[in-house]
């Protein structure tokens, strides 16, 4: 899927409302906005689409921890390799 960045200006209150709503729905602001426009109020999202949105949000939350764990694991492996080379 190809995507493009969209930037728009909003009041601090509107931005705060978007952030609060995204947190309540356990998703990102971007996913919230996409869902609203891809599935207008008079059209309900399919259960599969809702599940996919939840999975995407979960992956977005887990990704920083996964990256950190990978960096730590690589650093530990490098340290072990250096110890083996000097032994």
N, C-alpha and C. Protein backbone atom coordinates (compact mmCIF):
# COMPACT_ATOMS: atom_id res chain seq x y z
N UNK A 1 0.84 -1.17 0.00
CA UNK A 1 0.00 0.00 0.00
C UNK A 1 0.89 1.23 0.00
N UNK A 2 0.65 2.12 -0.91
CA UNK A 2 1.39 3.36 -1.00
C UNK A 2 0.64 4.42 -0.21
N UNK A 3 1.36 5.24 0.52
CA UNK A 3 0.69 6.28 1.30
C UNK A 3 1.44 7.59 1.16
N UNK A 4 0.75 8.67 1.45
CA UNK A 4 1.34 9.99 1.39
C UNK A 4 1.06 10.70 2.71
N UNK A 5 1.97 11.57 3.09
CA UNK A 5 1.81 12.33 4.32
C UNK A 5 0.87 13.50 4.07
N UNK A 6 -0.04 13.73 5.02
CA UNK A 6 -0.96 14.87 4.97
C UNK A 6 -0.75 15.67 6.25
N UNK A 7 -0.60 16.97 6.09
CA UNK A 7 -0.43 17.85 7.24
C UNK A 7 -1.56 18.86 7.24
N UNK A 8 -2.16 19.08 8.40
CA UNK A 8 -3.18 20.12 8.50
C UNK A 8 -3.07 20.81 9.85
N UNK A 9 -3.54 22.02 9.91
CA UNK A 9 -3.50 22.79 11.14
C UNK A 9 -4.80 22.61 11.91
N UNK A 10 -4.67 22.51 13.22
CA UNK A 10 -5.84 22.36 14.08
C UNK A 10 -5.59 23.11 15.38
N UNK A 11 -6.66 23.43 16.06
CA UNK A 11 -6.50 24.09 17.35
C UNK A 11 -5.92 23.09 18.35
N UNK A 12 -5.29 23.58 19.39
CA UNK A 12 -4.78 22.66 20.42
C UNK A 12 -5.89 21.79 21.02
N UNK A 13 -7.08 22.36 21.15
CA UNK A 13 -8.20 21.59 21.70
C UNK A 13 -8.60 20.44 20.78
N UNK A 14 -8.63 20.72 19.46
CA UNK A 14 -9.00 19.68 18.50
C UNK A 14 -7.96 18.57 18.50
N UNK A 15 -6.69 18.96 18.53
CA UNK A 15 -5.62 17.97 18.57
C UNK A 15 -5.73 17.12 19.83
N UNK A 16 -6.00 17.77 20.95
CA UNK A 16 -6.17 17.05 22.21
C UNK A 16 -7.34 16.08 22.14
N UNK A 17 -8.44 16.52 21.53
CA UNK A 17 -9.60 15.64 21.37
C UNK A 17 -9.27 14.42 20.51
N UNK A 18 -8.52 14.64 19.43
CA UNK A 18 -8.12 13.52 18.57
C UNK A 18 -7.24 12.54 19.34
N UNK A 19 -6.27 13.06 20.08
CA UNK A 19 -5.39 12.20 20.87
C UNK A 19 -6.18 11.40 21.90
N UNK A 20 -7.10 12.07 22.60
CA UNK A 20 -7.89 11.40 23.62
C UNK A 20 -8.75 10.30 23.01
N UNK A 21 -9.40 10.60 21.88
CA UNK A 21 -10.24 9.61 21.21
C UNK A 21 -9.41 8.42 20.71
N UNK A 22 -8.24 8.69 20.19
CA UNK A 22 -7.37 7.60 19.72
C UNK A 22 -6.96 6.70 20.88
N UNK A 23 -6.64 7.32 22.02
CA UNK A 23 -6.26 6.52 23.20
C UNK A 23 -7.45 5.68 23.66
N UNK A 24 -8.64 6.28 23.68
CA UNK A 24 -9.84 5.55 24.10
C UNK A 24 -10.10 4.36 23.19
N UNK A 25 -9.82 4.53 21.89
CA UNK A 25 -10.06 3.45 20.93
C UNK A 25 -8.84 2.56 20.74
N UNK A 26 -7.79 2.83 21.53
CA UNK A 26 -6.59 2.00 21.50
C UNK A 26 -5.97 1.94 20.11
N UNK A 27 -5.83 3.11 19.49
CA UNK A 27 -5.28 3.19 18.14
C UNK A 27 -4.49 4.49 18.00
N UNK A 28 -3.94 4.73 16.85
CA UNK A 28 -3.22 5.98 16.60
C UNK A 28 -4.18 7.02 16.02
N UNK A 29 -3.77 8.28 16.07
CA UNK A 29 -4.59 9.34 15.49
C UNK A 29 -4.75 9.11 13.99
N UNK A 30 -3.68 8.72 13.32
CA UNK A 30 -3.75 8.45 11.88
C UNK A 30 -4.74 7.35 11.55
N UNK A 31 -4.68 6.25 12.31
CA UNK A 31 -5.62 5.15 12.07
C UNK A 31 -7.05 5.58 12.36
N UNK A 32 -7.22 6.41 13.37
CA UNK A 32 -8.55 6.93 13.71
C UNK A 32 -9.12 7.74 12.55
N UNK A 33 -8.32 8.65 12.02
CA UNK A 33 -8.78 9.50 10.91
C UNK A 33 -9.05 8.66 9.66
N UNK A 34 -8.13 7.73 9.34
CA UNK A 34 -8.35 6.87 8.17
C UNK A 34 -9.64 6.08 8.31
N UNK A 35 -9.88 5.53 9.49
CA UNK A 35 -11.09 4.73 9.71
C UNK A 35 -12.34 5.57 9.53
N UNK A 36 -12.29 6.80 9.99
CA UNK A 36 -13.48 7.67 9.88
C UNK A 36 -13.79 7.99 8.43
N UNK A 37 -12.77 8.15 7.60
CA UNK A 37 -13.02 8.51 6.21
C UNK A 37 -13.21 7.30 5.31
N UNK A 38 -12.59 6.19 5.66
CA UNK A 38 -12.78 4.98 4.86
C UNK A 38 -14.12 4.33 5.17
N UNK A 39 -14.64 4.55 6.37
CA UNK A 39 -15.93 3.98 6.79
C UNK A 39 -16.76 5.11 7.39
N UNK A 40 -17.48 5.86 6.56
CA UNK A 40 -18.29 6.96 7.07
C UNK A 40 -19.30 6.49 8.12
N UNK A 41 -19.86 7.43 8.86
CA UNK A 41 -20.76 7.12 9.97
C UNK A 41 -21.95 6.27 9.54
N UNK A 42 -22.41 6.45 8.31
CA UNK A 42 -23.57 5.68 7.86
C UNK A 42 -23.18 4.30 7.33
N UNK A 43 -21.91 3.97 7.40
CA UNK A 43 -21.43 2.68 6.92
C UNK A 43 -20.54 2.08 8.01
N UNK A 44 -20.90 0.92 8.51
CA UNK A 44 -20.11 0.30 9.57
C UNK A 44 -18.93 -0.47 8.98
N UNK A 45 -17.83 -0.43 9.71
CA UNK A 45 -16.67 -1.21 9.31
C UNK A 45 -16.96 -2.69 9.55
N UNK A 46 -16.43 -3.52 8.69
CA UNK A 46 -16.64 -4.96 8.86
C UNK A 46 -15.88 -5.44 10.09
N UNK A 47 -16.30 -6.55 10.67
CA UNK A 47 -15.56 -7.09 11.82
C UNK A 47 -14.09 -7.36 11.48
N UNK A 48 -13.84 -7.79 10.25
CA UNK A 48 -12.46 -8.06 9.84
C UNK A 48 -11.65 -6.77 9.82
N UNK A 49 -12.25 -5.69 9.32
CA UNK A 49 -11.54 -4.41 9.28
C UNK A 49 -11.26 -3.90 10.69
N UNK A 50 -12.22 -4.06 11.59
CA UNK A 50 -12.02 -3.64 12.97
C UNK A 50 -10.90 -4.45 13.63
N UNK A 51 -10.89 -5.75 13.38
CA UNK A 51 -9.84 -6.61 13.93
C UNK A 51 -8.48 -6.23 13.37
N UNK A 52 -8.43 -5.95 12.07
CA UNK A 52 -7.18 -5.54 11.45
C UNK A 52 -6.68 -4.23 12.05
N UNK A 53 -7.59 -3.29 12.26
CA UNK A 53 -7.20 -2.01 12.87
C UNK A 53 -6.64 -2.23 14.28
N UNK A 54 -7.26 -3.12 15.03
CA UNK A 54 -6.78 -3.42 16.38
C UNK A 54 -5.39 -4.06 16.33
N UNK A 55 -5.19 -4.97 15.37
CA UNK A 55 -3.88 -5.62 15.24
C UNK A 55 -2.80 -4.63 14.84
N UNK A 56 -3.12 -3.72 13.93
CA UNK A 56 -2.16 -2.69 13.51
C UNK A 56 -1.79 -1.82 14.70
N UNK A 57 -2.79 -1.42 15.48
CA UNK A 57 -2.52 -0.59 16.65
C UNK A 57 -1.63 -1.33 17.65
N UNK A 58 -1.90 -2.62 17.84
CA UNK A 58 -1.09 -3.43 18.76
C UNK A 58 0.35 -3.53 18.27
N UNK A 59 0.54 -3.73 16.98
CA UNK A 59 1.89 -3.79 16.41
C UNK A 59 2.61 -2.45 16.57
N UNK A 60 1.89 -1.36 16.37
CA UNK A 60 2.50 -0.04 16.52
C UNK A 60 2.97 0.18 17.95
N UNK A 61 2.21 -0.32 18.92
CA UNK A 61 2.62 -0.18 20.32
C UNK A 61 3.80 -1.09 20.65
N UNK A 62 3.84 -2.30 20.08
CA UNK A 62 4.86 -3.28 20.42
C UNK A 62 6.18 -3.05 19.70
N UNK A 63 6.16 -2.37 18.58
CA UNK A 63 7.36 -2.20 17.76
C UNK A 63 8.53 -1.55 18.50
N UNK A 64 8.34 -0.47 19.25
CA UNK A 64 9.49 0.12 19.95
C UNK A 64 10.15 -0.86 20.92
N UNK A 65 9.36 -1.65 21.66
CA UNK A 65 9.93 -2.63 22.57
C UNK A 65 10.68 -3.72 21.81
N UNK A 66 10.14 -4.15 20.68
CA UNK A 66 10.80 -5.17 19.88
C UNK A 66 12.13 -4.66 19.34
N UNK A 67 12.14 -3.42 18.88
CA UNK A 67 13.39 -2.84 18.38
C UNK A 67 14.43 -2.73 19.48
N UNK A 68 14.00 -2.29 20.66
CA UNK A 68 14.92 -2.17 21.78
C UNK A 68 15.49 -3.54 22.16
N UNK A 69 14.63 -4.55 22.23
CA UNK A 69 15.08 -5.90 22.58
C UNK A 69 16.07 -6.42 21.54
N UNK A 70 15.82 -6.15 20.28
CA UNK A 70 16.73 -6.58 19.22
C UNK A 70 18.09 -5.90 19.36
N UNK A 71 18.08 -4.58 19.61
CA UNK A 71 19.35 -3.86 19.80
C UNK A 71 20.12 -4.42 20.99
N UNK A 72 19.41 -4.68 22.09
CA UNK A 72 20.08 -5.23 23.28
C UNK A 72 20.65 -6.61 23.00
N UNK A 73 19.90 -7.44 22.28
CA UNK A 73 20.38 -8.78 21.95
C UNK A 73 21.60 -8.74 21.05
N UNK A 74 21.59 -7.84 20.08
CA UNK A 74 22.75 -7.70 19.19
C UNK A 74 23.96 -7.19 19.95
N UNK A 75 23.75 -6.25 20.86
CA UNK A 75 24.87 -5.73 21.66
C UNK A 75 25.46 -6.83 22.53
N UNK A 76 24.60 -7.65 23.11
CA UNK A 76 25.08 -8.76 23.94
C UNK A 76 25.85 -9.78 23.09
N UNK A 77 25.36 -10.07 21.90
CA UNK A 77 26.05 -11.01 21.02
C UNK A 77 27.41 -10.45 20.61
N UNK A 78 27.47 -9.16 20.31
CA UNK A 78 28.76 -8.53 19.97
C UNK A 78 29.74 -8.63 21.12
N UNK A 79 29.24 -8.43 22.34
CA UNK A 79 30.11 -8.51 23.52
C UNK A 79 30.66 -9.92 23.69
N UNK A 80 29.82 -10.92 23.51
CA UNK A 80 30.26 -12.31 23.64
C UNK A 80 31.30 -12.62 22.56
N UNK A 81 31.07 -12.17 21.34
CA UNK A 81 32.04 -12.41 20.26
C UNK A 81 33.38 -11.76 20.58
N UNK A 82 33.37 -10.55 21.11
CA UNK A 82 34.62 -9.87 21.48
C UNK A 82 35.34 -10.63 22.58
N UNK A 83 34.59 -11.13 23.56
CA UNK A 83 35.20 -11.90 24.65
C UNK A 83 35.82 -13.19 24.11
N UNK A 84 35.16 -13.83 23.17
CA UNK A 84 35.69 -15.06 22.59
C UNK A 84 36.95 -14.80 21.78
N UNK A 85 37.00 -13.65 21.10
CA UNK A 85 38.17 -13.31 20.29
C UNK A 85 39.37 -12.99 21.17
N UNK A 86 39.15 -12.42 22.34
CA UNK A 86 40.27 -12.07 23.21
C UNK A 86 40.68 -13.22 24.11
N UNK A 87 39.89 -14.28 24.17
CA UNK A 87 40.20 -15.41 25.05
C UNK A 87 41.18 -16.36 24.41
